[in-house]
Amino acid sequence: MNETQLSSFNYQFDTNTGKCLYAQVGLHNESADSTEFINASIRVKPDDLPEGKDFMQLAMSDLITIAKKKLAADTAVKEEAPTTDKQ
């Protein structure tokens, strides 16, 4: 697959305070030689930002990088704890 690309980017603001609540980042990737593809919509929340930073202090490219890292973490194969069968 090629590098994952940006397909959409939106900020969501609180209409009362004007504060940015989150950024919604759309990511897309597809293999040129098959029908395999990835479409993801990742919500970057304040907790995902570097400590002491807010949305207006980060470049859009920084938020896209955070979203890509979240996508990788969300889709990574996780080791399951071994189970013991009690019969």
N, C-alpha and C. Protein backbone atom coordinates (compact mmCIF):
# COMPACT_ATOMS: atom_id res chain seq x y z
N MET A 1 0.84 -1.19 0.00
CA MET A 1 0.00 0.00 0.00
C MET A 1 0.87 1.24 0.00
N ASN A 2 0.31 2.29 -0.51
CA ASN A 2 0.98 3.58 -0.51
C ASN A 2 0.88 4.22 0.87
N GLU A 3 1.42 5.41 1.00
CA GLU A 3 1.29 6.12 2.26
C GLU A 3 -0.16 6.56 2.47
N THR A 4 -0.62 6.49 3.70
CA THR A 4 -1.97 6.91 4.04
C THR A 4 -2.11 8.41 3.82
N GLN A 5 -3.16 8.80 3.11
CA GLN A 5 -3.37 10.19 2.71
C GLN A 5 -4.56 10.80 3.43
N LEU A 6 -4.54 12.10 3.52
CA LEU A 6 -5.64 12.86 4.10
C LEU A 6 -6.80 12.91 3.11
N SER A 7 -8.00 12.62 3.58
CA SER A 7 -9.18 12.74 2.72
C SER A 7 -10.14 13.82 3.21
N SER A 8 -10.09 14.14 4.51
CA SER A 8 -10.91 15.24 5.03
C SER A 8 -10.33 15.70 6.36
N PHE A 9 -10.66 16.93 6.72
CA PHE A 9 -10.18 17.50 7.97
C PHE A 9 -11.17 18.55 8.43
N ASN A 10 -11.67 18.38 9.65
CA ASN A 10 -12.65 19.33 10.19
C ASN A 10 -12.38 19.59 11.66
N TYR A 11 -12.52 20.84 12.06
CA TYR A 11 -12.49 21.19 13.47
C TYR A 11 -13.93 21.29 13.96
N GLN A 12 -14.19 20.87 15.18
CA GLN A 12 -15.50 21.02 15.80
C GLN A 12 -15.34 21.99 16.97
N PHE A 13 -16.10 23.09 16.94
CA PHE A 13 -16.01 24.11 17.98
C PHE A 13 -17.26 24.13 18.84
N ASP A 14 -17.08 24.49 20.10
CA ASP A 14 -18.19 24.75 21.01
C ASP A 14 -18.76 26.10 20.61
N THR A 15 -20.03 26.16 20.24
CA THR A 15 -20.62 27.40 19.75
C THR A 15 -20.80 28.44 20.85
N ASN A 16 -20.76 28.01 22.11
CA ASN A 16 -20.90 28.97 23.22
C ASN A 16 -19.57 29.59 23.60
N THR A 17 -18.53 28.79 23.64
CA THR A 17 -17.23 29.29 24.11
C THR A 17 -16.25 29.59 22.98
N GLY A 18 -16.48 29.03 21.81
CA GLY A 18 -15.55 29.19 20.70
C GLY A 18 -14.34 28.29 20.80
N LYS A 19 -14.30 27.45 21.83
CA LYS A 19 -13.16 26.55 22.05
C LYS A 19 -13.27 25.34 21.12
N CYS A 20 -12.13 24.93 20.58
CA CYS A 20 -12.10 23.75 19.72
C CYS A 20 -12.25 22.50 20.57
N LEU A 21 -13.24 21.69 20.26
CA LEU A 21 -13.51 20.46 21.00
C LEU A 21 -12.68 19.29 20.49
N TYR A 22 -12.54 19.18 19.18
CA TYR A 22 -11.77 18.10 18.56
C TYR A 22 -11.57 18.38 17.08
N ALA A 23 -10.67 17.61 16.48
CA ALA A 23 -10.48 17.63 15.03
C ALA A 23 -10.84 16.24 14.51
N GLN A 24 -11.64 16.20 13.47
CA GLN A 24 -12.02 14.94 12.84
C GLN A 24 -11.17 14.81 11.58
N VAL A 25 -10.37 13.75 11.51
CA VAL A 25 -9.41 13.57 10.42
C VAL A 25 -9.79 12.33 9.62
N GLY A 26 -10.05 12.50 8.34
CA GLY A 26 -10.34 11.39 7.44
C GLY A 26 -9.07 10.94 6.75
N LEU A 27 -8.80 9.64 6.81
CA LEU A 27 -7.60 9.08 6.20
C LEU A 27 -7.98 7.99 5.20
N HIS A 28 -7.20 7.89 4.13
CA HIS A 28 -7.48 6.91 3.08
C HIS A 28 -6.17 6.35 2.53
N ASN A 29 -6.22 5.06 2.20
CA ASN A 29 -5.08 4.42 1.57
C ASN A 29 -5.61 3.25 0.75
N GLU A 30 -5.06 3.06 -0.43
CA GLU A 30 -5.47 1.89 -1.21
C GLU A 30 -4.28 1.35 -1.99
N SER A 31 -4.33 0.06 -2.20
CA SER A 31 -3.30 -0.62 -2.96
C SER A 31 -3.60 -0.45 -4.44
N ALA A 32 -2.60 -0.07 -5.20
CA ALA A 32 -2.79 0.16 -6.64
C ALA A 32 -3.06 -1.12 -7.41
N ASP A 33 -2.60 -2.25 -6.88
CA ASP A 33 -2.72 -3.49 -7.63
C ASP A 33 -3.76 -4.47 -7.08
N SER A 34 -4.64 -3.98 -6.20
CA SER A 34 -5.68 -4.86 -5.68
C SER A 34 -6.87 -4.02 -5.21
N THR A 35 -7.82 -4.69 -4.62
CA THR A 35 -9.00 -3.98 -4.11
C THR A 35 -8.90 -3.72 -2.62
N GLU A 36 -7.71 -3.83 -2.05
CA GLU A 36 -7.52 -3.56 -0.63
C GLU A 36 -7.47 -2.05 -0.40
N PHE A 37 -8.16 -1.62 0.66
CA PHE A 37 -8.13 -0.20 0.97
C PHE A 37 -8.43 0.02 2.44
N ILE A 38 -8.10 1.22 2.90
CA ILE A 38 -8.39 1.66 4.27
C ILE A 38 -9.10 3.00 4.17
N ASN A 39 -10.22 3.12 4.85
CA ASN A 39 -10.91 4.39 5.04
C ASN A 39 -11.11 4.53 6.54
N ALA A 40 -10.66 5.62 7.11
CA ALA A 40 -10.79 5.80 8.55
C ALA A 40 -11.15 7.24 8.87
N SER A 41 -11.93 7.40 9.90
CA SER A 41 -12.25 8.72 10.43
C SER A 41 -11.79 8.71 11.89
N ILE A 42 -10.78 9.50 12.18
CA ILE A 42 -10.16 9.50 13.50
C ILE A 42 -10.44 10.84 14.18
N ARG A 43 -10.92 10.76 15.41
CA ARG A 43 -11.19 11.96 16.21
C ARG A 43 -9.98 12.24 17.09
N VAL A 44 -9.35 13.39 16.87
CA VAL A 44 -8.24 13.83 17.71
C VAL A 44 -8.82 14.73 18.78
N LYS A 45 -8.71 14.28 20.03
CA LYS A 45 -9.29 15.00 21.17
C LYS A 45 -8.19 15.74 21.93
N PRO A 46 -8.57 16.67 22.80
CA PRO A 46 -7.56 17.41 23.57
C PRO A 46 -6.58 16.50 24.32
N ASP A 47 -7.05 15.37 24.81
CA ASP A 47 -6.18 14.42 25.53
C ASP A 47 -5.10 13.83 24.63
N ASP A 48 -5.30 13.86 23.32
CA ASP A 48 -4.34 13.30 22.37
C ASP A 48 -3.21 14.28 22.04
N LEU A 49 -3.37 15.53 22.40
CA LEU A 49 -2.39 16.56 22.05
C LEU A 49 -1.21 16.53 23.00
N PRO A 50 -0.05 17.04 22.53
CA PRO A 50 1.10 17.15 23.44
C PRO A 50 0.74 18.03 24.64
N GLU A 51 1.32 17.71 25.78
CA GLU A 51 1.02 18.44 27.01
C GLU A 51 1.29 19.94 26.83
N GLY A 52 0.33 20.74 27.26
CA GLY A 52 0.47 22.19 27.20
C GLY A 52 0.10 22.81 25.86
N LYS A 53 -0.34 22.00 24.91
CA LYS A 53 -0.71 22.51 23.58
C LYS A 53 -2.21 22.41 23.37
N ASP A 54 -2.75 23.34 22.57
CA ASP A 54 -4.14 23.23 22.16
C ASP A 54 -4.19 23.18 20.64
N PHE A 55 -5.38 23.02 20.10
CA PHE A 55 -5.53 22.83 18.66
C PHE A 55 -4.98 24.00 17.85
N MET A 56 -5.12 25.20 18.35
CA MET A 56 -4.69 26.37 17.60
C MET A 56 -3.17 26.57 17.63
N GLN A 57 -2.50 25.84 18.50
CA GLN A 57 -1.04 25.93 18.59
C GLN A 57 -0.34 24.89 17.72
N LEU A 58 -1.11 23.97 17.16
CA LEU A 58 -0.53 22.91 16.34
C LEU A 58 -0.89 23.11 14.88
N ALA A 59 0.04 22.78 14.02
CA ALA A 59 -0.22 22.82 12.58
C ALA A 59 -1.14 21.66 12.20
N MET A 60 -1.85 21.82 11.11
CA MET A 60 -2.71 20.75 10.64
C MET A 60 -1.89 19.48 10.40
N SER A 61 -0.68 19.60 9.91
CA SER A 61 0.17 18.43 9.67
C SER A 61 0.47 17.69 10.97
N ASP A 62 0.61 18.41 12.08
CA ASP A 62 0.82 17.77 13.38
C ASP A 62 -0.40 16.95 13.78
N LEU A 63 -1.58 17.49 13.55
CA LEU A 63 -2.81 16.79 13.90
C LEU A 63 -3.02 15.56 13.02
N ILE A 64 -2.62 15.65 11.77
CA ILE A 64 -2.70 14.50 10.86
C ILE A 64 -1.76 13.39 11.34
N THR A 65 -0.58 13.75 11.77
CA THR A 65 0.38 12.78 12.31
C THR A 65 -0.19 12.10 13.55
N ILE A 66 -0.81 12.87 14.43
CA ILE A 66 -1.43 12.30 15.62
C ILE A 66 -2.53 11.32 15.21
N ALA A 67 -3.35 11.70 14.23
CA ALA A 67 -4.43 10.83 13.76
C ALA A 67 -3.88 9.54 13.17
N LYS A 68 -2.80 9.62 12.40
CA LYS A 68 -2.20 8.41 11.81
C LYS A 68 -1.67 7.49 12.90
N LYS A 69 -1.08 8.06 13.94
CA LYS A 69 -0.58 7.24 15.05
C LYS A 69 -1.74 6.58 15.79
N LYS A 70 -2.85 7.32 15.96
CA LYS A 70 -4.02 6.73 16.61
C LYS A 70 -4.58 5.59 15.77
N LEU A 71 -4.63 5.77 14.45
CA LEU A 71 -5.11 4.71 13.56
C LEU A 71 -4.23 3.47 13.69
N ALA A 72 -2.92 3.66 13.70
CA ALA A 72 -1.99 2.52 13.83
C ALA A 72 -2.21 1.82 15.16
N ALA A 73 -2.35 2.57 16.23
CA ALA A 73 -2.57 1.96 17.55
C ALA A 73 -3.91 1.24 17.61
N ASP A 74 -4.94 1.84 17.03
CA ASP A 74 -6.28 1.25 17.07
C ASP A 74 -6.36 -0.04 16.27
N THR A 75 -5.55 -0.18 15.23
CA THR A 75 -5.65 -1.35 14.36
C THR A 75 -4.55 -2.37 14.59
N ALA A 76 -3.63 -2.08 15.50
CA ALA A 76 -2.54 -3.02 15.80
C ALA A 76 -3.11 -4.29 16.42
N VAL A 77 -2.50 -5.41 16.08
CA VAL A 77 -2.89 -6.69 16.67
C VAL A 77 -2.41 -6.67 18.11
N LYS A 78 -3.33 -6.93 19.02
CA LYS A 78 -3.00 -6.91 20.43
C LYS A 78 -2.92 -8.34 20.95
N GLU A 79 -1.92 -8.58 21.74
CA GLU A 79 -1.75 -9.90 22.35
C GLU A 79 -2.84 -10.09 23.39
N GLU A 80 -3.49 -11.24 23.32
CA GLU A 80 -4.50 -11.56 24.32
C GLU A 80 -3.86 -12.37 25.44
N ALA A 81 -4.33 -12.11 26.64
CA ALA A 81 -3.83 -12.87 27.78
C ALA A 81 -4.26 -14.32 27.63
N PRO A 82 -3.37 -15.24 27.96
CA PRO A 82 -3.75 -16.65 27.87
C PRO A 82 -4.90 -16.96 28.83
N THR A 83 -5.77 -17.83 28.37
CA THR A 83 -6.91 -18.21 29.21
C THR A 83 -6.69 -19.64 29.70
N THR A 84 -7.21 -19.88 30.84
CA THR A 84 -7.14 -21.25 31.37
C THR A 84 -8.54 -21.82 31.35
N ASP A 85 -8.64 -23.00 30.81
CA ASP A 85 -9.93 -23.68 30.74
C ASP A 85 -10.20 -24.38 32.07
N LYS A 86 -11.28 -24.03 32.68
CA LYS A 86 -11.70 -24.71 33.91
C LYS A 86 -12.88 -25.59 33.56
N GLN A 87 -12.69 -26.86 33.75
CA GLN A 87 -13.78 -27.78 33.41
C GLN A 87 -14.22 -28.55 34.61
